[in-house]
Amino acid sequence: MAGLRVLVVSIISACLLERVLVASFSQSLDSDFTFTLPAGRKECFFQTMKKDASLEIEYQVLDGAGLDVDFFLSSPTGHVLARDHRKSDGVHTVETEDGDYMFCFDNTFSAVSEKIIFFELILDNMEDGEADPESWKEYVHGADMLDMKLEDIMDTINSVKARLGKSLQIQTVLRAFEARDRNLQESNYERVNLWSCTNLVVMVVVSGLQVYLLRSLFDDKRKSRT
């Protein structure tokens, strides 16, 4: 009977663990976007948040003259929580309440140059109460008979999940930095080529003028008499 009881407890624990895993990984709370902001335009985005949650916004200007943009974040009541003026990147974190938060990227100060903008949203404490990882405890009885406690398993899983999410976030940000640096290098490469060609043309013209002037100094302009 004791062995059967341990087997039943193990099966129940495994089922509950599987349920918690599905609830924990069923929804991604991180997202990133890349879009083109035309010259003289402003684009706004909305994110629905819950009370006592956390909203983190990180953005970068990947391409465009000046690599800068205006940014502001406002609460559901219309209060401006953060504002940046002509910056190439920024990070803002706010504690939220129920409602729709609005954040905008403004390129109206530029008349000719469009901007390519990358931004990432990180939402914390957005899980529903039904998916609470602690809810499995009330169903488990006699788990002390198991060699490995479910609490230890859940702590390990949550730690791995948090580290994987942080690694993914860092890799995404590094890719954005790489894209911006590559665009900047290509722009500098085109400028160097343009000025090099211009200098080459000027040097050829000046060399031709110098040869012509030197030859004109040694030309005998006197008419020979017969």
C-alpha atoms as a PDB file:
ATOM      1  CA  MET A   1       0.000   0.000   0.000  1.00  0.00           C
ATOM      2  CA  ALA A   2       2.827   2.366   0.810  1.00  0.00           C
ATOM      3  CA  GLY A   3       4.393   1.789  -2.613  1.00  0.00           C
ATOM      4  CA  LEU A   4       1.039   2.333  -4.326  1.00  0.00           C
ATOM      5  CA  ARG A   5       0.545   5.574  -2.389  1.00  0.00           C
ATOM      6  CA  VAL A   6       3.955   6.851  -3.452  1.00  0.00           C
ATOM      7  CA  LEU A   7       3.157   5.958  -7.078  1.00  0.00           C
ATOM      8  CA  VAL A   8      -0.178   7.830  -6.952  1.00  0.00           C
ATOM      9  CA  VAL A   9       1.449  10.880  -5.383  1.00  0.00           C
ATOM     10  CA  SER A  10       4.161  10.822  -8.073  1.00  0.00           C
ATOM     11  CA  ILE A  11       1.574  10.670 -10.877  1.00  0.00           C
ATOM     12  CA  ILE A  12      -0.454  13.520  -9.368  1.00  0.00           C
ATOM     13  CA  SER A  13       2.686  15.597  -8.881  1.00  0.00           C
ATOM     14  CA  ALA A  14       3.783  15.025 -12.490  1.00  0.00           C
ATOM     15  CA  CYS A  15       0.356  16.016 -13.813  1.00  0.00           C
ATOM     16  CA  LEU A  16       0.298  19.153 -11.690  1.00  0.00           C
ATOM     17  CA  LEU A  17       3.827  20.049 -12.784  1.00  0.00           C
ATOM     18  CA  GLU A  18       2.860  19.645 -16.428  1.00  0.00           C
ATOM     19  CA  ARG A  19      -0.158  21.909 -15.835  1.00  0.00           C
ATOM     20  CA  VAL A  20       2.016  24.577 -14.238  1.00  0.00           C
ATOM     21  CA  LEU A  21       4.557  24.374 -17.055  1.00  0.00           C
ATOM     22  CA  VAL A  22       1.852  24.873 -19.689  1.00  0.00           C
ATOM     23  CA  ALA A  23       0.446  27.829 -17.775  1.00  0.00           C
ATOM     24  CA  SER A  24       3.889  29.382 -17.313  1.00  0.00           C
ATOM     25  CA  PHE A  25       5.028  29.125 -20.948  1.00  0.00           C
ATOM     26  CA  SER A  26       1.722  29.574 -22.767  1.00  0.00           C
ATOM     27  CA  GLN A  27       2.090  33.330 -23.245  1.00  0.00           C
ATOM     28  CA  SER A  28       5.136  35.387 -24.131  1.00  0.00           C
ATOM     29  CA  LEU A  29       5.300  38.743 -22.391  1.00  0.00           C
ATOM     30  CA  ASP A  30       8.189  40.091 -24.464  1.00  0.00           C
ATOM     31  CA  SER A  31       7.804  41.435 -27.995  1.00  0.00           C
ATOM     32  CA  ASP A  32       9.875  43.508 -30.390  1.00  0.00           C
ATOM     33  CA  PHE A  33       9.069  45.438 -33.564  1.00  0.00           C
ATOM     34  CA  THR A  34      10.937  47.239 -36.337  1.00  0.00           C
ATOM     35  CA  PHE A  35       9.189  49.815 -38.526  1.00  0.00           C
ATOM     36  CA  THR A  36       9.907  52.714 -40.870  1.00  0.00           C
ATOM     37  CA  LEU A  37       8.916  56.197 -39.722  1.00  0.00           C
ATOM     38  CA  PRO A  38       8.535  58.543 -42.739  1.00  0.00           C
ATOM     39  CA  ALA A  39       9.820  62.104 -42.689  1.00  0.00           C
ATOM     40  CA  GLY A  40       7.459  64.599 -41.082  1.00  0.00           C
ATOM     41  CA  ARG A  41       5.334  61.856 -39.479  1.00  0.00           C
ATOM     42  CA  LYS A  42       4.489  60.627 -35.981  1.00  0.00           C
ATOM     43  CA  GLU A  43       3.526  57.048 -35.134  1.00  0.00           C
ATOM     44  CA  CYS A  44       1.815  56.016 -31.874  1.00  0.00           C
ATOM     45  CA  PHE A  45       1.278  52.578 -30.315  1.00  0.00           C
ATOM     46  CA  PHE A  46      -0.952  51.379 -27.473  1.00  0.00           C
ATOM     47  CA  GLN A  47      -0.400  48.677 -24.857  1.00  0.00           C
ATOM     48  CA  THR A  48      -3.099  47.496 -22.440  1.00  0.00           C
ATOM     49  CA  MET A  49      -1.730  47.026 -18.919  1.00  0.00           C
ATOM     50  CA  LYS A  50      -2.981  45.808 -15.553  1.00  0.00           C
ATOM     51  CA  LYS A  51      -2.663  47.307 -12.112  1.00  0.00           C
ATOM     52  CA  ASP A  52       0.615  46.677 -10.253  1.00  0.00           C
ATOM     53  CA  ALA A  53       2.345  45.429 -13.422  1.00  0.00           C
ATOM     54  CA  SER A  54       5.532  46.724 -15.027  1.00  0.00           C
ATOM     55  CA  LEU A  55       6.063  48.088 -18.553  1.00  0.00           C
ATOM     56  CA  GLU A  56       9.575  48.485 -19.967  1.00  0.00           C
ATOM     57  CA  ILE A  57      10.171  50.075 -23.387  1.00  0.00           C
ATOM     58  CA  GLU A  58      13.568  50.080 -25.075  1.00  0.00           C
ATOM     59  CA  TYR A  59      14.043  51.676 -28.507  1.00  0.00           C
ATOM     60  CA  GLN A  60      16.837  52.381 -30.987  1.00  0.00           C
ATOM     61  CA  VAL A  61      17.062  54.306 -34.248  1.00  0.00           C
ATOM     62  CA  LEU A  62      18.705  51.882 -36.673  1.00  0.00           C
ATOM     63  CA  ASP A  63      18.965  54.055 -39.780  1.00  0.00           C
ATOM     64  CA  GLY A  64      18.268  57.582 -40.983  1.00  0.00           C
ATOM     65  CA  ALA A  65      20.034  60.931 -41.025  1.00  0.00           C
ATOM     66  CA  GLY A  66      21.139  61.920 -37.537  1.00  0.00           C
ATOM     67  CA  LEU A  67      19.948  58.617 -36.001  1.00  0.00           C
ATOM     68  CA  ASP A  68      17.572  60.547 -33.737  1.00  0.00           C
ATOM     69  CA  VAL A  69      13.853  60.689 -32.950  1.00  0.00           C
ATOM     70  CA  ASP A  70      11.480  62.249 -30.428  1.00  0.00           C
ATOM     71  CA  PHE A  71       9.731  59.893 -28.004  1.00  0.00           C
ATOM     72  CA  PHE A  72       7.133  60.162 -25.268  1.00  0.00           C
ATOM     73  CA  LEU A  73       5.135  57.748 -23.095  1.00  0.00           C
ATOM     74  CA  SER A  74       1.776  58.665 -21.557  1.00  0.00           C
ATOM     75  CA  SER A  75      -0.481  56.980 -19.000  1.00  0.00           C
ATOM     76  CA  PRO A  76      -4.175  56.050 -19.529  1.00  0.00           C
ATOM     77  CA  THR A  77      -5.113  59.405 -17.956  1.00  0.00           C
ATOM     78  CA  GLY A  78      -2.996  61.310 -20.500  1.00  0.00           C
ATOM     79  CA  HIS A  79      -0.152  62.174 -18.112  1.00  0.00           C
ATOM     80  CA  VAL A  80       3.270  62.143 -19.824  1.00  0.00           C
ATOM     81  CA  LEU A  81       5.495  59.672 -17.954  1.00  0.00           C
ATOM     82  CA  ALA A  82       8.651  59.918 -20.071  1.00  0.00           C
ATOM     83  CA  ARG A  83       9.897  62.141 -22.889  1.00  0.00           C
ATOM     84  CA  ASP A  84      13.041  62.108 -25.050  1.00  0.00           C
ATOM     85  CA  HIS A  85      14.091  64.811 -27.506  1.00  0.00           C
ATOM     86  CA  ARG A  86      16.049  63.770 -30.605  1.00  0.00           C
ATOM     87  CA  LYS A  87      17.769  60.739 -29.079  1.00  0.00           C
ATOM     88  CA  SER A  88      19.118  57.663 -30.853  1.00  0.00           C
ATOM     89  CA  ASP A  89      18.080  55.197 -28.110  1.00  0.00           C
ATOM     90  CA  GLY A  90      16.393  55.034 -24.740  1.00  0.00           C
ATOM     91  CA  VAL A  91      14.990  52.762 -22.020  1.00  0.00           C
ATOM     92  CA  HIS A  92      11.975  53.571 -19.829  1.00  0.00           C
ATOM     93  CA  THR A  93      10.318  51.459 -17.122  1.00  0.00           C
ATOM     94  CA  VAL A  94       7.054  52.371 -15.364  1.00  0.00           C
ATOM     95  CA  GLU A  95       4.764  50.757 -12.820  1.00  0.00           C
ATOM     96  CA  THR A  96       1.332  50.545 -14.408  1.00  0.00           C
ATOM     97  CA  GLU A  97      -2.358  50.741 -13.592  1.00  0.00           C
ATOM     98  CA  ASP A  98      -5.396  49.438 -15.472  1.00  0.00           C
ATOM     99  CA  GLY A  99      -5.767  51.017 -18.909  1.00  0.00           C
ATOM    100  CA  ASP A 100      -4.112  51.671 -22.272  1.00  0.00           C
ATOM    101  CA  TYR A 101      -0.635  53.203 -22.288  1.00  0.00           C
ATOM    102  CA  MET A 102       0.404  55.182 -25.380  1.00  0.00           C
ATOM    103  CA  PHE A 103       3.941  55.690 -26.649  1.00  0.00           C
ATOM    104  CA  CYS A 104       4.812  57.697 -29.756  1.00  0.00           C
ATOM    105  CA  PHE A 105       7.804  58.208 -32.037  1.00  0.00           C
ATOM    106  CA  ASP A 106       7.926  61.680 -33.615  1.00  0.00           C
ATOM    107  CA  ASN A 107       9.902  62.490 -36.773  1.00  0.00           C
ATOM    108  CA  THR A 108       8.127  65.735 -37.654  1.00  0.00           C
ATOM    109  CA  PHE A 109      11.334  67.739 -37.155  1.00  0.00           C
ATOM    110  CA  SER A 110      12.870  66.000 -40.206  1.00  0.00           C
ATOM    111  CA  ALA A 111      11.606  67.120 -43.598  1.00  0.00           C
ATOM    112  CA  VAL A 112      13.443  64.666 -45.870  1.00  0.00           C
ATOM    113  CA  SER A 113      14.911  61.760 -43.872  1.00  0.00           C
ATOM    114  CA  GLU A 114      12.910  58.702 -42.832  1.00  0.00           C
ATOM    115  CA  LYS A 115      13.975  56.648 -39.812  1.00  0.00           C
ATOM    116  CA  ILE A 116      14.061  52.902 -39.192  1.00  0.00           C
ATOM    117  CA  ILE A 117      13.169  52.300 -35.540  1.00  0.00           C
ATOM    118  CA  PHE A 118      13.395  49.177 -33.407  1.00  0.00           C
ATOM    119  CA  PHE A 119      11.615  48.894 -30.059  1.00  0.00           C
ATOM    120  CA  GLU A 120      11.032  46.136 -27.523  1.00  0.00           C
ATOM    121  CA  LEU A 121       8.285  45.763 -24.921  1.00  0.00           C
ATOM    122  CA  ILE A 122       8.855  43.804 -21.705  1.00  0.00           C
ATOM    123  CA  LEU A 123       5.757  43.185 -19.579  1.00  0.00           C
ATOM    124  CA  ASP A 124       6.047  41.882 -16.037  1.00  0.00           C
ATOM    125  CA  ASN A 125       3.388  40.626 -13.598  1.00  0.00           C
ATOM    126  CA  MET A 126       0.788  40.276 -16.353  1.00  0.00           C
ATOM    127  CA  GLU A 127      -0.242  36.676 -15.600  1.00  0.00           C
ATOM    128  CA  ASP A 128      -3.862  35.919 -14.721  1.00  0.00           C
ATOM    129  CA  GLY A 129      -4.705  34.719 -11.268  1.00  0.00           C
ATOM    130  CA  GLU A 130      -5.915  31.406 -12.705  1.00  0.00           C
ATOM    131  CA  ALA A 131      -2.412  30.645 -13.935  1.00  0.00           C
ATOM    132  CA  ASP A 132      -0.747  31.322 -10.580  1.00  0.00           C
ATOM    133  CA  PRO A 133       2.193  28.903 -10.283  1.00  0.00           C
ATOM    134  CA  GLU A 134       1.506  28.607  -6.527  1.00  0.00           C
ATOM    135  CA  SER A 135      -2.033  27.257  -7.052  1.00  0.00           C
ATOM    136  CA  TRP A 136      -0.767  23.677  -7.351  1.00  0.00           C
ATOM    137  CA  LYS A 137       0.193  23.554  -3.656  1.00  0.00           C
ATOM    138  CA  GLU A 138      -3.380  23.178  -2.432  1.00  0.00           C
ATOM    139  CA  TYR A 139      -3.783  19.954  -4.447  1.00  0.00           C
ATOM    140  CA  VAL A 140      -0.645  18.244  -3.192  1.00  0.00           C
ATOM    141  CA  HIS A 141      -0.738  16.169  -0.011  1.00  0.00           C
ATOM    142  CA  GLY A 142       2.001  13.905   1.173  1.00  0.00           C
ATOM    143  CA  ALA A 143       4.582  15.329  -1.202  1.00  0.00           C
ATOM    144  CA  ASP A 144       7.158  15.090   1.576  1.00  0.00           C
ATOM    145  CA  MET A 145       7.420  11.410   0.692  1.00  0.00           C
ATOM    146  CA  LEU A 146       9.083  12.281  -2.604  1.00  0.00           C
ATOM    147  CA  ASP A 147      12.844  12.645  -2.816  1.00  0.00           C
ATOM    148  CA  MET A 148      12.531  15.863  -4.860  1.00  0.00           C
ATOM    149  CA  LYS A 149       9.966  18.446  -3.811  1.00  0.00           C
ATOM    150  CA  LEU A 150       7.826  20.194  -6.375  1.00  0.00           C
ATOM    151  CA  GLU A 151       8.832  23.525  -4.841  1.00  0.00           C
ATOM    152  CA  ASP A 152      12.471  22.890  -5.708  1.00  0.00           C
ATOM    153  CA  ILE A 153      11.495  21.896  -9.250  1.00  0.00           C
ATOM    154  CA  MET A 154       9.403  25.041  -9.713  1.00  0.00           C
ATOM    155  CA  ASP A 155      12.174  27.267  -8.313  1.00  0.00           C
ATOM    156  CA  THR A 156      14.639  25.753 -10.745  1.00  0.00           C
ATOM    157  CA  ILE A 157      12.249  26.064 -13.705  1.00  0.00           C
ATOM    158  CA  ASN A 158      11.414  29.688 -12.904  1.00  0.00           C
ATOM    159  CA  SER A 159      15.109  30.506 -12.569  1.00  0.00           C
ATOM    160  CA  VAL A 160      15.901  28.906 -15.938  1.00  0.00           C
ATOM    161  CA  LYS A 161      12.937  30.668 -17.555  1.00  0.00           C
ATOM    162  CA  ALA A 162      14.023  34.071 -16.214  1.00  0.00           C
ATOM    163  CA  ARG A 163      17.595  33.588 -17.414  1.00  0.00           C
ATOM    164  CA  LEU A 164      16.477  32.414 -20.861  1.00  0.00           C
ATOM    165  CA  GLY A 165      14.203  35.439 -21.180  1.00  0.00           C
ATOM    166  CA  LYS A 166      17.029  37.774 -20.181  1.00  0.00           C
ATOM    167  CA  SER A 167      19.391  36.103 -22.663  1.00  0.00           C
ATOM    168  CA  LEU A 168      16.833  36.477 -25.449  1.00  0.00           C
ATOM    169  CA  GLN A 169      16.343  40.139 -24.589  1.00  0.00           C
ATOM    170  CA  ILE A 170      20.099  40.825 -24.614  1.00  0.00           C
ATOM    171  CA  GLN A 171      20.518  39.048 -27.961  1.00  0.00           C
ATOM    172  CA  THR A 172      17.689  41.079 -29.484  1.00  0.00           C
ATOM    173  CA  VAL A 173      19.221  44.340 -28.281  1.00  0.00           C
ATOM    174  CA  LEU A 174      22.654  43.322 -29.576  1.00  0.00           C
ATOM    175  CA  ARG A 175      21.168  42.542 -32.991  1.00  0.00           C
ATOM    176  CA  ALA A 176      19.605  46.007 -33.047  1.00  0.00           C
ATOM    177  CA  PHE A 177      22.953  47.606 -32.167  1.00  0.00           C
ATOM    178  CA  GLU A 178      24.632  45.569 -34.898  1.00  0.00           C
ATOM    179  CA  ALA A 179      22.055  46.659 -37.481  1.00  0.00           C
ATOM    180  CA  ARG A 180      22.493  50.325 -36.525  1.00  0.00           C
ATOM    181  CA  ASP A 181      26.304  50.096 -36.682  1.00  0.00           C
ATOM    182  CA  ARG A 182      26.145  48.345 -40.056  1.00  0.00           C
ATOM    183  CA  ASN A 183      23.858  51.033 -41.487  1.00  0.00           C
ATOM    184  CA  LEU A 184      26.174  53.741 -40.144  1.00  0.00           C
ATOM    185  CA  GLN A 185      29.225  52.064 -41.684  1.00  0.00           C
ATOM    186  CA  GLU A 186      27.519  51.708 -45.060  1.00  0.00           C
ATOM    187  CA  SER A 187      26.550  55.375 -44.978  1.00  0.00           C
ATOM    188  CA  ASN A 188      30.134  56.386 -44.142  1.00  0.00           C
ATOM    189  CA  TYR A 189      31.412  54.082 -46.910  1.00  0.00           C
ATOM    190  CA  GLU A 190      29.234  55.850 -49.480  1.00  0.00           C
ATOM    191  CA  ARG A 191      30.403  59.267 -48.274  1.00  0.00           C
ATOM    192  CA  VAL A 192      34.062  58.238 -48.456  1.00  0.00           C
ATOM    193  CA  ASN A 193      33.600  56.935 -51.995  1.00  0.00           C
ATOM    194  CA  LEU A 194      31.828  60.122 -53.082  1.00  0.00           C
ATOM    195  CA  TRP A 195      34.514  62.444 -51.711  1.00  0.00           C
ATOM    196  CA  SER A 196      37.292  60.215 -53.059  1.00  0.00           C
ATOM    197  CA  CYS A 197      35.825  60.382 -56.561  1.00  0.00           C
ATOM    198  CA  THR A 198      35.381  64.136 -56.228  1.00  0.00           C
ATOM    199  CA  ASN A 199      39.014  64.618 -55.138  1.00  0.00           C
ATOM    200  CA  LEU A 200      40.218  62.379 -57.971  1.00  0.00           C
ATOM    201  CA  VAL A 201      38.359  64.460 -60.572  1.00  0.00           C
ATOM    202  CA  VAL A 202      39.719  67.696 -59.086  1.00  0.00           C
ATOM    203  CA  MET A 203      43.281  66.323 -59.126  1.00  0.00           C
ATOM    204  CA  VAL A 204      42.986  65.258 -62.782  1.00  0.00           C
ATOM    205  CA  VAL A 205      41.642  68.680 -63.794  1.00  0.00           C
ATOM    206  CA  VAL A 206      44.366  70.518 -61.851  1.00  0.00           C
ATOM    207  CA  SER A 207      47.074  68.278 -63.337  1.00  0.00           C
ATOM    208  CA  GLY A 208      45.771  68.969 -66.846  1.00  0.00           C
ATOM    209  CA  LEU A 209      45.765  72.731 -66.209  1.00  0.00           C
ATOM    210  CA  GLN A 210      49.329  72.625 -64.877  1.00  0.00           C
ATOM    211  CA  VAL A 211      50.567  70.695 -67.927  1.00  0.00           C
ATOM    212  CA  TYR A 212      48.821  73.143 -70.240  1.00  0.00           C
ATOM    213  CA  LEU A 213      50.293  76.182 -68.449  1.00  0.00           C
ATOM    214  CA  LEU A 214      53.824  74.710 -68.470  1.00  0.00           C
ATOM    215  CA  ARG A 215      53.632  73.925 -72.178  1.00  0.00           C
ATOM    216  CA  SER A 216      52.330  77.393 -72.926  1.00  0.00           C
ATOM    217  CA  LEU A 217      55.404  78.914 -71.190  1.00  0.00           C
ATOM    218  CA  PHE A 218      57.805  77.120 -73.529  1.00  0.00           C
ATOM    219  CA  ASP A 219      55.882  77.665 -76.762  1.00  0.00           C
ATOM    220  CA  ASP A 220      57.770  79.965 -79.223  1.00  0.00           C
ATOM    221  CA  LYS A 221      55.219  82.483 -80.275  1.00  0.00           C
ATOM    222  CA  ARG A 222      57.613  84.517 -82.466  1.00  0.00           C
ATOM    223  CA  LYS A 223      56.995  84.231 -86.184  1.00  0.00           C
ATOM    224  CA  SER A 224      59.945  82.967 -88.189  1.00  0.00           C
ATOM    225  CA  ARG A 225      61.211  85.287 -90.992  1.00  0.00           C
ATOM    226  CA  THR A 226      62.053  84.001 -94.452  1.00  0.00           C
END
